[in-house]
Protein backbone atom coordinates (compact mmCIF):
# COMPACT_ATOMS: atom_id res chain seq x y z
CA UNK A 1 -8.05 8.97 58.30
CA UNK A 2 -8.26 10.95 55.05
CA UNK A 3 -11.37 13.01 54.44
CA UNK A 4 -12.97 12.74 50.99
CA UNK A 5 -13.06 16.02 49.10
CA UNK A 6 -15.98 16.65 46.76
CA UNK A 7 -15.39 18.45 43.46
CA UNK A 8 -18.83 20.00 43.76
CA UNK A 9 -20.01 22.50 46.35
CA UNK A 10 -22.35 21.14 48.99
CA UNK A 11 -23.32 24.53 50.35
CA UNK A 12 -25.75 25.41 47.55
CA UNK A 13 -23.30 27.67 45.75
CA UNK A 14 -23.03 27.76 41.98
CA UNK A 15 -21.22 25.04 40.04
CA UNK A 16 -18.99 26.36 37.23
CA UNK A 17 -17.57 24.32 34.36
CA UNK A 18 -15.74 24.57 31.09
CA UNK A 19 -17.25 22.63 28.22
CA UNK A 20 -14.77 21.74 25.48
CA UNK A 21 -16.48 21.15 22.15
CA UNK A 22 -15.45 19.58 18.86
CA UNK A 23 -17.55 20.56 15.85
CA UNK A 24 -17.99 19.61 12.24
CA UNK A 25 -15.56 21.39 9.92
CA UNK A 26 -16.57 25.02 9.43
CA UNK A 27 -19.20 25.03 12.19
CA UNK A 28 -17.25 26.49 15.16
CA UNK A 29 -18.44 30.09 14.80
CA UNK A 30 -22.11 29.17 14.39
CA UNK A 31 -21.96 26.67 17.27
CA UNK A 32 -20.34 29.26 19.57
CA UNK A 33 -22.92 31.88 18.59
CA UNK A 34 -25.87 29.55 19.24
CA UNK A 35 -24.50 28.22 22.53
CA UNK A 36 -23.80 31.74 23.82
CA UNK A 37 -27.57 32.33 23.84
CA UNK A 38 -28.33 29.41 26.18
CA UNK A 39 -29.30 30.12 29.79
CA UNK A 40 -26.42 29.12 32.05
CA UNK A 41 -23.73 29.87 29.48
CA UNK A 42 -21.55 32.81 30.50
CA UNK A 43 -19.03 32.64 27.64
CA UNK A 44 -18.67 30.75 24.36
CA UNK A 45 -15.68 31.29 22.11
CA UNK A 46 -14.37 29.55 19.03
CA UNK A 47 -10.70 28.61 19.39
CA UNK A 48 -7.95 26.74 17.57
CA UNK A 49 -6.43 23.46 18.67
CA UNK A 50 -7.95 20.06 19.46
CA UNK A 51 -11.24 21.72 20.43
CA UNK A 52 -13.20 24.18 18.31
CA UNK A 53 -15.32 25.93 20.96
CA UNK A 54 -14.76 26.50 24.67
CA UNK A 55 -17.76 27.35 26.83
CA UNK A 56 -17.89 28.64 30.42
CA UNK A 57 -21.14 27.59 32.08
CA UNK A 58 -22.75 27.77 35.50
CA UNK A 59 -25.57 25.94 37.21
CA UNK A 60 -27.04 25.73 40.68
CA UNK A 61 -25.90 22.10 41.11
CA UNK A 62 -24.21 19.28 39.24
CA UNK A 63 -27.52 17.78 38.08
CA UNK A 64 -28.56 21.06 36.51
CA UNK A 65 -25.14 21.30 34.86
CA UNK A 66 -25.63 17.82 33.42
CA UNK A 67 -29.03 18.77 32.03
CA UNK A 68 -27.55 21.91 30.46
CA UNK A 69 -24.86 19.89 28.70
CA UNK A 70 -26.92 16.87 27.65
CA UNK A 71 -30.27 18.47 26.83
CA UNK A 72 -29.21 21.84 25.46
CA UNK A 73 -25.54 22.10 24.51
CA UNK A 74 -25.29 18.67 22.87
CA UNK A 75 -28.49 19.41 20.96
CA UNK A 76 -26.84 22.23 19.00
CA UNK A 77 -26.42 21.30 15.35
CA UNK A 78 -22.79 20.80 14.28
CA UNK A 79 -21.37 19.42 17.55
CA UNK A 80 -19.58 16.09 17.31
CA UNK A 81 -18.17 15.72 20.86
CA UNK A 82 -18.15 17.48 24.24
CA UNK A 83 -15.98 17.23 27.33
CA UNK A 84 -17.27 18.85 30.53
CA UNK A 85 -14.68 20.02 33.08
CA UNK A 86 -16.19 21.18 36.39
CA UNK A 87 -14.19 23.85 38.20
CA UNK A 88 -12.86 22.73 41.58
CA UNK A 89 -11.68 24.85 44.48
CA UNK A 90 -8.86 23.07 46.28
């Protein structure tokens, strides 16, 4: 029998994730600066490529991470799309 492996810690430890962000043209630097001030965000950098900003975030659980992304990150003016990638420990 194969045991299911959860991508999220069940021991109460912190959940980490990368949030990949696409912005309106010319908005990457201001989006990164604003997001870097949000609680739970440990790093926000503007980058080149298919995404304009990459964010490293942490939360106490997956629900809190979801609230951070939906209620706060996606509310920043200039964002057109986000992709959240939780960190897993295999």
